[in-house]
N, C-alpha and C. Protein backbone atom coordinates (compact mmCIF):
# COMPACT_ATOMS: atom_id res chain seq x y z
N MET A 1 179.92 54.22 71.24
CA MET A 1 179.11 55.10 72.21
C MET A 1 178.16 55.83 71.39
N SER A 2 178.55 56.33 70.18
CA SER A 2 177.46 57.27 69.47
C SER A 2 176.37 56.22 68.94
N LEU A 3 176.76 54.97 68.62
CA LEU A 3 175.63 54.04 68.44
C LEU A 3 174.74 53.96 69.45
N GLY A 4 175.15 53.62 70.62
CA GLY A 4 174.16 53.59 71.77
C GLY A 4 173.33 54.60 71.94
N ILE A 5 173.99 55.82 71.77
CA ILE A 5 173.24 57.26 72.09
C ILE A 5 172.09 57.34 71.07
N ALA A 6 172.40 56.82 69.88
CA ALA A 6 171.49 56.89 68.64
C ALA A 6 170.33 55.96 69.02
N LYS A 7 170.58 54.78 69.36
CA LYS A 7 169.58 53.70 69.84
C LYS A 7 168.88 54.32 70.93
N SER A 8 169.50 55.01 71.83
CA SER A 8 168.46 55.51 72.99
C SER A 8 167.55 56.51 72.57
N GLY A 9 168.22 57.38 71.77
CA GLY A 9 167.43 58.53 70.98
C GLY A 9 166.29 57.91 70.21
N LEU A 10 166.54 57.04 69.42
CA LEU A 10 165.28 56.38 68.67
C LEU A 10 164.35 55.83 69.68
N THR A 11 164.58 55.17 70.68
CA THR A 11 163.69 54.44 71.74
C THR A 11 162.85 55.59 72.32
N LEU A 12 163.44 56.73 72.72
CA LEU A 12 162.71 57.56 73.48
C LEU A 12 161.88 58.27 72.33
N ALA A 13 162.22 58.40 71.14
CA ALA A 13 161.21 59.06 70.23
C ALA A 13 159.94 58.13 69.93
N ALA A 14 160.49 56.86 70.00
CA ALA A 14 159.39 55.98 69.67
C ALA A 14 158.35 56.11 71.03
N ILE A 15 158.94 56.00 72.12
CA ILE A 15 158.00 56.01 73.30
C ILE A 15 157.01 57.52 73.18
N ALA A 16 157.83 58.47 72.79
CA ALA A 16 157.00 59.73 72.76
C ALA A 16 155.87 59.82 71.82
N ALA A 17 156.17 58.96 70.53
CA ALA A 17 155.29 58.86 69.66
C ALA A 17 154.20 58.13 69.85
N ILE A 18 154.29 57.13 70.61
CA ILE A 18 153.46 56.06 71.18
C ILE A 18 152.54 56.89 72.30
N CYS A 19 153.11 57.55 73.08
CA CYS A 19 152.42 58.45 74.14
C CYS A 19 151.36 59.22 73.60
N ALA A 20 151.88 59.95 72.66
CA ALA A 20 151.27 61.09 71.79
C ALA A 20 150.15 60.38 71.27
N ALA A 21 150.19 59.26 70.51
CA ALA A 21 149.18 58.62 69.75
C ALA A 21 148.10 58.36 70.75
N LEU A 22 148.65 57.74 71.92
CA LEU A 22 147.59 57.41 73.13
C LEU A 22 146.84 58.57 73.46
N VAL A 23 147.34 59.43 73.88
CA VAL A 23 146.54 60.73 74.08
C VAL A 23 145.70 61.33 73.14
N ALA A 24 145.97 61.31 71.79
CA ALA A 24 145.06 61.65 70.83
C ALA A 24 144.12 60.65 70.81
N VAL A 25 144.30 59.32 70.88
CA VAL A 25 143.04 58.45 70.78
C VAL A 25 142.19 58.45 72.13
N THR A 26 142.68 58.74 73.27
CA THR A 26 141.99 58.93 74.47
C THR A 26 141.15 60.08 74.34
N TYR A 27 141.77 61.23 73.88
CA TYR A 27 140.92 62.66 73.51
C TYR A 27 139.92 62.35 72.69
N HIS A 28 140.04 61.58 71.59
CA HIS A 28 138.98 61.36 70.58
C HIS A 28 137.70 60.49 71.18
N LEU A 29 138.12 59.43 72.13
CA LEU A 29 137.18 58.67 72.49
C LEU A 29 136.26 59.30 73.72
N THR A 30 137.03 60.35 74.28
CA THR A 30 136.33 60.76 75.65
C THR A 30 135.78 62.31 75.24
N ARG A 31 136.07 62.86 74.35
CA ARG A 31 135.64 64.31 74.08
C ARG A 31 134.30 64.47 74.14
N ASP A 32 133.60 63.66 73.61
CA ASP A 32 132.08 63.59 73.34
C ASP A 32 131.40 63.56 74.73
N ARG A 33 131.90 62.37 75.56
CA ARG A 33 131.64 62.36 76.93
C ARG A 33 131.86 63.41 77.99
N ILE A 34 132.96 63.86 77.70
CA ILE A 34 133.42 65.40 78.54
C ILE A 34 132.43 66.37 78.27
N ALA A 35 132.35 66.72 76.84
CA ALA A 35 131.42 67.66 76.57
C ALA A 35 130.08 67.57 77.14
N ALA A 36 129.59 66.02 76.93
CA ALA A 36 128.17 65.99 77.57
C ALA A 36 128.21 66.29 78.95
N ASN A 37 129.31 65.73 79.81
CA ASN A 37 129.06 65.82 81.17
C ASN A 37 129.10 67.51 81.55
N GLN A 38 129.82 68.28 80.75
CA GLN A 38 130.14 69.60 81.09
C GLN A 38 128.70 70.34 80.68
N GLN A 39 128.03 69.90 79.72
CA GLN A 39 126.63 70.41 79.57
C GLN A 39 125.50 70.02 80.46
N ALA A 40 125.62 68.83 81.01
CA ALA A 40 124.88 68.35 82.19
C ALA A 40 124.94 69.32 83.33
N MET A 41 126.32 69.75 83.68
CA MET A 41 126.62 70.24 84.82
C MET A 41 126.08 71.69 84.69
N LEU A 42 126.29 72.32 83.49
CA LEU A 42 125.58 73.59 83.18
C LEU A 42 124.28 73.65 83.42
N GLU A 43 123.55 72.58 82.82
CA GLU A 43 122.06 72.55 83.00
C GLU A 43 121.61 72.54 84.38
N GLN A 44 122.35 71.73 85.32
CA GLN A 44 122.03 71.41 86.57
C GLN A 44 122.20 72.77 87.32
N SER A 45 123.44 73.72 87.13
CA SER A 45 123.51 74.87 87.77
C SER A 45 122.54 75.88 87.49
N LEU A 46 121.98 75.78 86.18
CA LEU A 46 120.76 76.87 85.81
C LEU A 46 119.50 76.51 86.26
N ALA A 47 119.18 75.26 86.36
CA ALA A 47 117.76 74.73 86.57
C ALA A 47 117.14 75.37 88.00
N PRO A 48 118.01 75.46 89.19
CA PRO A 48 117.57 75.88 90.34
C PRO A 48 116.95 77.26 90.37
N ALA A 49 117.42 78.15 89.51
CA ALA A 49 116.88 79.49 89.17
C ALA A 49 115.67 79.52 88.54
N LEU A 50 114.96 78.66 88.19
CA LEU A 50 113.79 78.70 87.30
C LEU A 50 112.51 78.31 88.34
N ALA A 51 112.79 77.93 89.52
CA ALA A 51 111.60 77.64 90.57
C ALA A 51 110.63 76.65 89.95
N GLY A 52 111.09 75.56 89.39
CA GLY A 52 110.14 74.39 89.19
C GLY A 52 109.35 74.79 87.83
N LEU A 53 109.79 75.93 86.96
CA LEU A 53 108.93 76.17 85.73
C LEU A 53 108.87 74.97 84.75
N GLU A 54 107.97 74.78 83.97
CA GLU A 54 108.10 73.70 83.03
C GLU A 54 108.34 74.42 81.58
N PHE A 55 109.63 73.96 81.17
CA PHE A 55 109.99 74.58 79.87
C PHE A 55 110.47 73.51 78.92
N GLU A 56 110.88 73.93 77.78
CA GLU A 56 111.23 72.84 76.61
C GLU A 56 112.71 72.93 76.24
N GLY A 57 113.34 72.06 75.97
CA GLY A 57 114.69 71.95 75.55
C GLY A 57 115.51 72.19 76.54
N PRO A 58 116.82 72.04 76.23
CA PRO A 58 117.98 72.31 77.30
C PRO A 58 117.99 73.90 77.44
N ILE A 59 118.12 74.19 78.88
CA ILE A 59 118.18 75.81 79.18
C ILE A 59 119.20 76.56 78.44
N SER A 60 120.25 75.96 78.20
CA SER A 60 121.28 76.65 77.61
C SER A 60 121.38 76.69 76.19
N GLU A 61 120.21 76.17 75.47
CA GLU A 61 120.10 76.21 74.15
C GLU A 61 120.21 77.28 73.42
N SER A 62 119.47 78.53 74.01
CA SER A 62 119.14 79.52 73.39
C SER A 62 120.06 80.71 74.24
N ARG A 63 121.47 80.82 74.07
CA ARG A 63 122.19 81.56 74.80
C ARG A 63 122.62 82.87 73.97
N LEU A 64 122.65 84.01 74.71
CA LEU A 64 122.83 85.26 74.28
C LEU A 64 124.13 86.05 75.29
N VAL A 65 124.94 86.30 74.37
CA VAL A 65 126.32 86.99 75.14
C VAL A 65 125.90 88.66 74.80
N ILE A 66 125.92 89.58 75.95
CA ILE A 66 125.65 90.79 75.78
C ILE A 66 126.93 91.48 75.81
N PRO A 67 127.68 92.02 75.13
CA PRO A 67 128.95 92.59 75.33
C PRO A 67 128.96 93.92 76.05
N PRO A 68 129.80 94.35 76.54
CA PRO A 68 129.73 95.84 77.28
C PRO A 68 129.92 96.75 75.90
N PRO A 69 129.54 98.10 76.22
CA PRO A 69 128.98 98.58 77.45
C PRO A 69 127.43 98.16 77.43
N HIS A 70 126.89 97.88 78.69
CA HIS A 70 125.61 97.69 78.67
C HIS A 70 125.08 98.44 80.21
N ASP A 71 123.85 98.09 80.33
CA ASP A 71 123.32 98.69 81.63
C ASP A 71 123.13 97.66 82.95
N LEU A 72 123.69 96.46 82.58
CA LEU A 72 123.72 95.22 83.61
C LEU A 72 124.65 95.42 84.45
N PRO A 73 124.63 94.91 85.75
CA PRO A 73 125.69 94.80 86.74
C PRO A 73 127.05 94.16 86.13
N GLY A 74 128.21 94.94 86.47
CA GLY A 74 129.38 94.33 86.08
C GLY A 74 129.98 94.94 84.78
N PRO A 75 131.27 95.01 84.55
CA PRO A 75 131.84 95.51 83.58
C PRO A 75 132.00 94.75 82.30
N GLY A 76 132.17 93.42 82.40
CA GLY A 76 132.04 92.44 81.43
C GLY A 76 131.06 91.84 80.74
N PRO A 77 131.28 91.24 79.80
CA PRO A 77 130.00 90.56 78.92
C PRO A 77 128.97 89.83 79.99
N ALA A 78 127.73 89.94 79.81
CA ALA A 78 126.63 89.49 80.54
C ALA A 78 126.02 88.34 79.58
N ILE A 79 125.75 87.23 80.49
CA ILE A 79 125.13 85.99 79.48
C ILE A 79 123.78 85.87 79.88
N VAL A 80 122.94 85.61 78.99
CA VAL A 80 121.49 85.36 79.12
C VAL A 80 121.09 84.04 78.48
N TYR A 81 120.56 83.51 79.25
CA TYR A 81 119.72 82.22 78.55
C TYR A 81 118.20 82.24 78.57
N ARG A 82 117.71 82.01 77.35
CA ARG A 82 116.55 82.35 77.03
C ARG A 82 115.83 81.14 77.14
N VAL A 83 114.48 80.87 77.87
CA VAL A 83 113.77 79.80 78.37
C VAL A 83 112.59 79.88 77.51
N PHE A 84 111.75 79.00 76.78
CA PHE A 84 110.65 78.85 76.38
C PHE A 84 109.73 77.83 76.53
N ALA A 85 108.36 77.81 76.19
CA ALA A 85 107.41 76.91 76.40
C ALA A 85 106.55 76.99 75.37
N SER A 86 106.38 75.93 74.54
CA SER A 86 105.24 75.96 73.45
C SER A 86 105.71 76.98 72.53
N GLY A 87 107.00 77.20 72.37
CA GLY A 87 107.48 78.16 71.42
C GLY A 87 107.41 79.61 71.82
N LYS A 88 106.95 79.87 73.15
CA LYS A 88 106.80 81.26 73.27
C LYS A 88 107.91 81.55 74.58
N PRO A 89 108.22 82.85 74.80
CA PRO A 89 109.16 83.41 75.78
C PRO A 89 108.68 82.78 77.18
N LEU A 90 109.35 81.91 77.89
CA LEU A 90 109.02 81.72 79.36
C LEU A 90 109.73 82.50 80.54
N ALA A 91 111.11 82.52 80.16
CA ALA A 91 111.95 83.30 81.34
C ALA A 91 113.17 83.45 80.64
N ALA A 92 113.95 84.31 81.60
CA ALA A 92 115.42 84.35 81.26
C ALA A 92 116.33 84.17 82.31
N LEU A 93 117.30 83.49 82.26
CA LEU A 93 118.29 83.40 83.14
C LEU A 93 119.48 84.48 82.88
N ILE A 94 119.74 85.42 83.80
CA ILE A 94 120.85 86.42 83.34
C ILE A 94 121.95 86.35 84.42
N ALA A 95 123.31 86.00 83.90
CA ALA A 95 124.35 85.80 84.74
C ALA A 95 125.21 87.17 84.72
N VAL A 96 125.10 87.90 85.79
CA VAL A 96 125.53 89.32 86.04
C VAL A 96 126.82 89.18 87.17
N THR A 97 127.54 90.15 87.15
CA THR A 97 128.47 90.42 88.29
C THR A 97 128.28 91.49 89.17
N ALA A 98 128.13 91.48 90.41
CA ALA A 98 128.11 92.59 91.41
C ALA A 98 129.52 92.82 91.69
N PRO A 99 130.02 94.01 91.22
CA PRO A 99 131.21 94.56 91.42
C PRO A 99 131.93 94.97 92.70
N ASN A 100 130.90 95.23 93.67
CA ASN A 100 131.14 95.76 95.02
C ASN A 100 130.88 94.80 96.23
N GLY A 101 131.19 93.50 96.05
CA GLY A 101 131.05 92.83 97.25
C GLY A 101 132.16 93.06 98.25
N TYR A 102 132.14 92.43 99.42
CA TYR A 102 132.85 92.82 100.44
C TYR A 102 134.18 92.31 100.24
N ALA A 103 134.33 91.19 99.48
CA ALA A 103 135.74 90.49 99.26
C ALA A 103 136.07 90.58 97.59
N GLY A 104 135.43 91.20 96.98
CA GLY A 104 135.45 91.45 95.55
C GLY A 104 134.17 91.07 94.93
N PRO A 105 134.25 90.84 93.45
CA PRO A 105 132.95 90.76 92.53
C PRO A 105 132.41 89.49 93.01
N ILE A 106 130.98 89.47 92.97
CA ILE A 106 130.16 88.31 92.98
C ILE A 106 129.35 87.97 91.90
N ARG A 107 129.56 86.82 91.31
CA ARG A 107 128.89 86.28 90.18
C ARG A 107 127.67 85.83 90.40
N ILE A 108 126.42 86.34 89.89
CA ILE A 108 125.12 86.11 90.35
C ILE A 108 124.35 85.42 89.13
N LEU A 109 123.34 84.56 89.24
CA LEU A 109 122.46 84.21 88.29
C LEU A 109 121.05 84.66 88.68
N VAL A 110 120.33 85.51 87.86
CA VAL A 110 118.93 85.93 88.36
C VAL A 110 118.20 85.51 87.15
N GLY A 111 117.12 84.71 87.75
CA GLY A 111 116.01 83.96 86.86
C GLY A 111 114.86 85.01 86.99
N ILE A 112 114.25 85.55 85.67
CA ILE A 112 113.26 86.42 85.62
C ILE A 112 112.11 85.82 84.69
N SER A 113 111.06 85.62 85.03
CA SER A 113 109.78 85.18 84.27
C SER A 113 109.63 86.27 83.12
N TYR A 114 108.89 86.04 82.09
CA TYR A 114 108.65 86.68 80.99
C TYR A 114 107.88 87.90 81.59
N GLU A 115 106.94 87.67 82.61
CA GLU A 115 106.16 88.76 83.15
C GLU A 115 106.84 89.70 84.17
N GLY A 116 108.12 89.33 84.36
CA GLY A 116 109.13 90.24 85.32
C GLY A 116 109.29 89.95 86.67
N ASN A 117 108.59 88.74 87.00
CA ASN A 117 109.05 88.07 88.30
C ASN A 117 110.21 87.38 88.62
N VAL A 118 110.65 87.52 89.55
CA VAL A 118 111.92 86.67 89.95
C VAL A 118 111.60 85.24 90.16
N THR A 119 112.32 84.26 89.39
CA THR A 119 111.97 83.00 89.49
C THR A 119 113.03 82.24 90.26
N GLY A 120 114.26 83.00 90.56
CA GLY A 120 115.17 82.32 91.50
C GLY A 120 116.49 83.21 91.31
N VAL A 121 117.19 83.21 92.36
CA VAL A 121 118.50 83.80 92.41
C VAL A 121 119.41 82.72 93.06
N ARG A 122 120.52 82.53 92.25
CA ARG A 122 121.60 81.59 92.68
C ARG A 122 122.90 82.24 92.57
N ILE A 123 124.00 82.21 93.51
CA ILE A 123 125.16 82.82 93.56
C ILE A 123 126.12 81.80 92.80
N LEU A 124 126.90 82.14 92.02
CA LEU A 124 127.77 81.29 90.84
C LEU A 124 128.98 81.37 91.52
N GLU A 125 129.49 82.30 92.07
CA GLU A 125 131.00 82.60 92.54
C GLU A 125 131.09 83.85 93.21
N HIS A 126 131.91 83.49 94.35
CA HIS A 126 132.25 84.64 95.30
C HIS A 126 133.42 84.33 96.18
N ARG A 127 133.94 85.43 96.93
CA ARG A 127 134.96 85.13 97.85
C ARG A 127 134.66 85.94 99.19
N GLU A 128 133.43 85.72 99.52
CA GLU A 128 133.04 86.48 100.53
C GLU A 128 133.37 85.68 101.94
N THR A 129 133.46 86.29 103.13
CA THR A 129 133.81 85.67 104.28
C THR A 129 133.11 84.45 104.73
N PRO A 130 133.71 83.52 105.07
CA PRO A 130 132.97 82.15 105.68
C PRO A 130 132.39 82.58 106.94
N GLY A 131 131.03 82.13 106.89
CA GLY A 131 130.28 82.22 108.25
C GLY A 131 129.70 83.53 108.01
N LEU A 132 130.02 84.59 107.36
CA LEU A 132 129.11 85.57 107.09
C LEU A 132 128.68 86.08 105.97
N GLY A 133 129.58 86.61 104.97
CA GLY A 133 129.01 86.86 103.56
C GLY A 133 128.66 85.68 102.87
N ASP A 134 129.11 84.44 103.12
CA ASP A 134 128.76 83.28 102.32
C ASP A 134 127.33 82.86 102.64
N GLY A 135 126.60 83.72 103.63
CA GLY A 135 125.19 83.30 103.69
C GLY A 135 124.34 83.69 102.41
N ILE A 136 124.94 84.25 101.44
CA ILE A 136 124.33 84.55 100.10
C ILE A 136 124.10 83.43 99.39
N GLU A 137 124.81 82.14 99.73
CA GLU A 137 124.56 80.74 99.14
C GLU A 137 123.48 80.23 99.58
N SER A 138 122.73 79.49 98.59
CA SER A 138 121.46 79.01 99.06
C SER A 138 121.70 77.65 99.68
N THR A 139 123.00 77.10 99.63
CA THR A 139 123.49 76.08 100.49
C THR A 139 123.82 76.44 101.97
N ARG A 140 124.09 77.61 102.17
CA ARG A 140 124.28 78.17 103.49
C ARG A 140 123.14 78.73 104.23
N SER A 141 122.26 79.40 103.72
CA SER A 141 121.23 80.16 104.36
C SER A 141 119.90 80.24 103.31
N ASP A 142 118.70 80.52 103.64
CA ASP A 142 117.69 80.61 103.04
C ASP A 142 117.49 82.30 102.40
N TRP A 143 118.67 83.01 102.67
CA TRP A 143 118.47 84.36 102.24
C TRP A 143 118.10 84.51 100.98
N VAL A 144 118.49 83.96 99.65
CA VAL A 144 118.40 84.38 98.54
C VAL A 144 116.72 84.04 98.19
N TYR A 145 116.19 83.19 98.78
CA TYR A 145 114.75 82.72 98.51
C TYR A 145 113.78 83.86 98.77
N GLN A 146 114.10 84.93 99.66
CA GLN A 146 113.37 86.17 99.82
C GLN A 146 112.85 86.83 98.44
N PHE A 147 113.66 86.74 97.56
CA PHE A 147 113.43 87.33 96.17
C PHE A 147 112.56 86.67 95.31
N ASP A 148 112.38 85.38 95.54
CA ASP A 148 111.38 84.59 94.61
C ASP A 148 110.08 85.15 94.43
N GLY A 149 109.60 85.33 93.22
CA GLY A 149 108.22 85.84 92.96
C GLY A 149 108.31 87.29 93.07
N ARG A 150 109.32 88.06 93.59
CA ARG A 150 109.15 89.49 93.51
C ARG A 150 109.57 90.02 92.23
N SER A 151 109.16 91.41 92.12
CA SER A 151 109.18 91.93 90.82
C SER A 151 109.46 93.54 91.08
N LEU A 152 109.56 94.55 90.02
CA LEU A 152 109.80 95.75 90.14
C LEU A 152 108.55 96.63 90.97
N GLY A 153 107.42 96.02 90.74
CA GLY A 153 106.28 96.35 91.45
C GLY A 153 105.91 95.77 92.86
N ASP A 154 106.68 94.96 93.18
CA ASP A 154 106.50 94.06 94.50
C ASP A 154 107.85 93.71 95.27
N PRO A 155 108.31 94.76 95.74
CA PRO A 155 107.88 95.97 96.07
C PRO A 155 108.26 97.16 95.27
N ALA A 156 107.80 98.40 95.58
CA ALA A 156 107.92 99.35 94.50
C ALA A 156 109.64 99.41 94.49
N LEU A 157 109.99 100.31 93.42
CA LEU A 157 111.46 100.32 93.29
C LEU A 157 112.05 100.91 94.60
N ALA A 158 111.68 101.92 95.31
CA ALA A 158 112.17 102.34 96.38
C ALA A 158 112.41 101.23 97.57
N GLY A 159 111.55 100.19 97.54
CA GLY A 159 111.74 99.27 98.38
C GLY A 159 112.88 98.10 98.19
N TRP A 160 113.34 98.33 96.96
CA TRP A 160 114.34 97.33 96.49
C TRP A 160 115.86 97.80 97.42
N ALA A 161 115.68 97.50 98.48
CA ALA A 161 116.90 97.81 99.40
C ALA A 161 117.07 97.09 100.90
N LEU A 162 117.88 96.74 101.22
CA LEU A 162 117.80 96.33 102.75
C LEU A 162 116.82 97.18 103.92
N LYS A 163 116.40 96.31 104.76
CA LYS A 163 115.60 97.16 105.68
C LYS A 163 116.33 98.34 106.51
N ARG A 164 117.51 98.20 106.66
CA ARG A 164 118.46 99.11 107.28
C ARG A 164 118.49 100.30 106.43
N ASP A 165 118.31 100.13 105.13
CA ASP A 165 118.65 101.40 104.14
C ASP A 165 116.93 101.73 103.80
N GLY A 166 116.00 101.30 104.37
CA GLY A 166 114.67 101.77 104.20
C GLY A 166 113.81 100.99 103.12
N GLY A 167 114.56 99.61 102.77
CA GLY A 167 113.78 98.89 102.11
C GLY A 167 113.19 97.82 102.65
N VAL A 168 112.74 96.63 101.83
CA VAL A 168 111.97 95.63 102.71
C VAL A 168 112.64 94.36 102.79
N PHE A 169 113.90 94.16 102.36
CA PHE A 169 114.66 92.83 102.40
C PHE A 169 115.59 92.93 103.45
N ASP A 170 115.55 91.46 104.19
CA ASP A 170 116.50 91.26 104.93
C ASP A 170 117.91 91.40 104.84
N GLN A 171 118.73 91.45 105.43
CA GLN A 171 120.38 91.64 105.41
C GLN A 171 120.70 90.28 106.31
N LEU A 172 122.05 90.08 105.98
CA LEU A 172 122.52 88.70 106.71
C LEU A 172 122.98 89.31 108.04
N SER A 173 122.81 88.12 108.92
CA SER A 173 123.42 88.54 110.39
C SER A 173 125.05 88.84 110.22
N GLY A 174 125.41 89.95 110.69
CA GLY A 174 126.67 90.21 110.74
C GLY A 174 127.32 90.86 109.43
N ALA A 175 126.53 90.93 108.53
CA ALA A 175 126.96 91.25 106.94
C ALA A 175 126.01 92.14 106.34
N SER A 176 126.58 93.31 106.04
CA SER A 176 125.43 94.17 105.11
C SER A 176 125.93 94.61 103.75
N VAL A 177 127.30 94.60 103.69
CA VAL A 177 127.92 95.01 102.40
C VAL A 177 127.67 93.90 101.22
N THR A 178 127.84 92.78 101.74
CA THR A 178 127.59 91.60 100.80
C THR A 178 126.25 91.62 100.27
N PRO A 179 125.24 91.48 101.07
CA PRO A 179 123.80 91.33 100.77
C PRO A 179 123.50 92.63 99.86
N ARG A 180 124.05 93.86 100.26
CA ARG A 180 123.49 95.05 99.52
C ARG A 180 124.02 95.09 98.28
N ALA A 181 125.23 94.28 97.92
CA ALA A 181 125.68 94.38 96.56
C ALA A 181 124.96 93.30 95.79
N VAL A 182 124.58 92.37 96.27
CA VAL A 182 123.56 91.38 95.42
C VAL A 182 122.40 92.04 95.37
N LEU A 183 121.76 92.62 96.30
CA LEU A 183 120.36 93.20 96.15
C LEU A 183 120.59 94.32 95.00
N GLN A 184 121.36 95.03 95.04
CA GLN A 184 121.38 96.18 93.97
C GLN A 184 121.84 95.58 92.63
N ALA A 185 122.47 94.31 92.53
CA ALA A 185 122.74 93.68 90.96
C ALA A 185 121.16 93.20 90.81
N ILE A 186 120.60 92.64 91.62
CA ILE A 186 119.22 92.02 91.10
C ILE A 186 118.30 93.12 90.78
N ARG A 187 118.25 94.16 91.54
CA ARG A 187 117.42 95.22 91.09
C ARG A 187 117.78 95.85 89.83
N GLU A 188 119.11 96.06 89.54
CA GLU A 188 119.59 96.48 88.15
C GLU A 188 119.24 95.52 87.09
N THR A 189 119.53 94.26 87.44
CA THR A 189 118.91 93.25 86.42
C THR A 189 117.38 93.35 85.99
N LEU A 190 116.64 93.44 87.00
CA LEU A 190 115.19 93.66 86.59
C LEU A 190 115.00 94.86 85.82
N LEU A 191 115.64 95.90 86.19
CA LEU A 191 115.57 97.15 85.32
C LEU A 191 115.67 97.02 83.90
N TYR A 192 116.98 96.19 83.72
CA TYR A 192 117.21 96.06 82.50
C TYR A 192 116.34 95.16 81.69
N PHE A 193 116.09 94.15 82.34
CA PHE A 193 115.12 93.20 81.72
C PHE A 193 113.64 93.72 81.34
N ASP A 194 113.21 94.79 82.17
CA ASP A 194 112.10 95.45 81.89
C ASP A 194 112.18 96.32 80.85
N ALA A 195 113.31 96.83 80.62
CA ALA A 195 113.41 97.62 79.43
C ALA A 195 113.69 97.20 78.05
N HIS A 196 114.27 95.84 78.28
CA HIS A 196 114.90 95.42 76.91
C HIS A 196 114.10 93.86 76.88
N ARG A 197 113.13 93.68 77.36
CA ARG A 197 112.52 92.05 77.32
C ARG A 197 112.25 91.76 75.88
N GLU A 198 111.63 92.61 75.16
CA GLU A 198 111.25 92.10 73.56
C GLU A 198 112.71 92.07 72.92
N ALA A 199 113.71 92.74 73.18
CA ALA A 199 114.91 92.72 72.41
C ALA A 199 115.56 91.29 72.75
N LEU A 200 115.64 91.07 74.14
CA LEU A 200 116.33 90.08 74.41
C LEU A 200 115.81 88.63 74.00
N PHE A 201 114.37 88.62 73.87
CA PHE A 201 113.91 87.41 73.49
C PHE A 201 114.06 87.26 71.72
N ALA A 202 113.96 88.42 71.11
CA ALA A 202 114.27 88.46 69.81
C ALA A 202 115.51 88.32 69.19
N ALA A 203 116.54 88.64 69.88
CA ALA A 203 117.86 88.40 69.18
C ALA A 203 118.17 87.13 68.91
N PRO A 204 119.07 87.01 67.94
CA PRO A 204 119.59 85.54 67.68
C PRO A 204 120.45 85.02 68.73
N ALA A 205 120.67 83.66 68.87
CA ALA A 205 121.47 83.18 69.86
C ALA A 205 122.80 83.44 69.32
N SER A 206 123.96 83.62 70.27
CA SER A 206 125.31 83.97 69.89
C SER A 206 125.86 82.98 69.09
N GLU A 207 126.76 83.53 68.23
CA GLU A 207 127.46 82.59 67.20
C GLU A 207 128.08 81.46 67.69
N ASP A 208 128.80 81.50 68.93
CA ASP A 208 129.27 80.29 69.41
C ASP A 208 128.50 79.10 69.75
N ASP A 209 127.12 79.27 69.59
CA ASP A 209 126.17 78.34 70.06
C ASP A 209 125.51 77.75 68.90
N LYS A 210 125.99 78.21 67.57
CA LYS A 210 125.18 77.85 66.46
C LYS A 210 126.10 76.51 66.06
């Protein structure tokens, strides 16, 4: 009986070793493809916030992580993707978090040209109410497109609010908390960019991107 158990144990050990080897080989053969696919997905998620601007190199090539404390929306690190053309700063994509959404934090990507104009806004992640707050998504409505081309001077800072709050921007039908949170985050991001524009483009890329 003990000999049979020993043989079974050796058989199981051999099977486990073969499976481990197969997993290792599969990982080795596919890791580059997986990384390339992940990079492509990242690039595809970033590009829409650039409103058709012509740039050079991958968008994510010059990535900057801004640790807290900072003056950008959200308590955690903010991520900035610097975009260049002919070696000169063209725009920045800044991923921030609006902490005061109706159903929780809202992750937002704000594209800003070097001159300070909004090139595009996209919602990266949220848990807002379907049919109401989810209208902030570009696939659900055209609400976020009203920010394209706007800047701190267009409108003046006081106008960066919903119309019901005395500003110039539309709210979503049946929802005000969600669009108000997104609008506030965009305004704060523009203010930060205006105050730190030179430093943002001069800073070296984050260590994990080198």
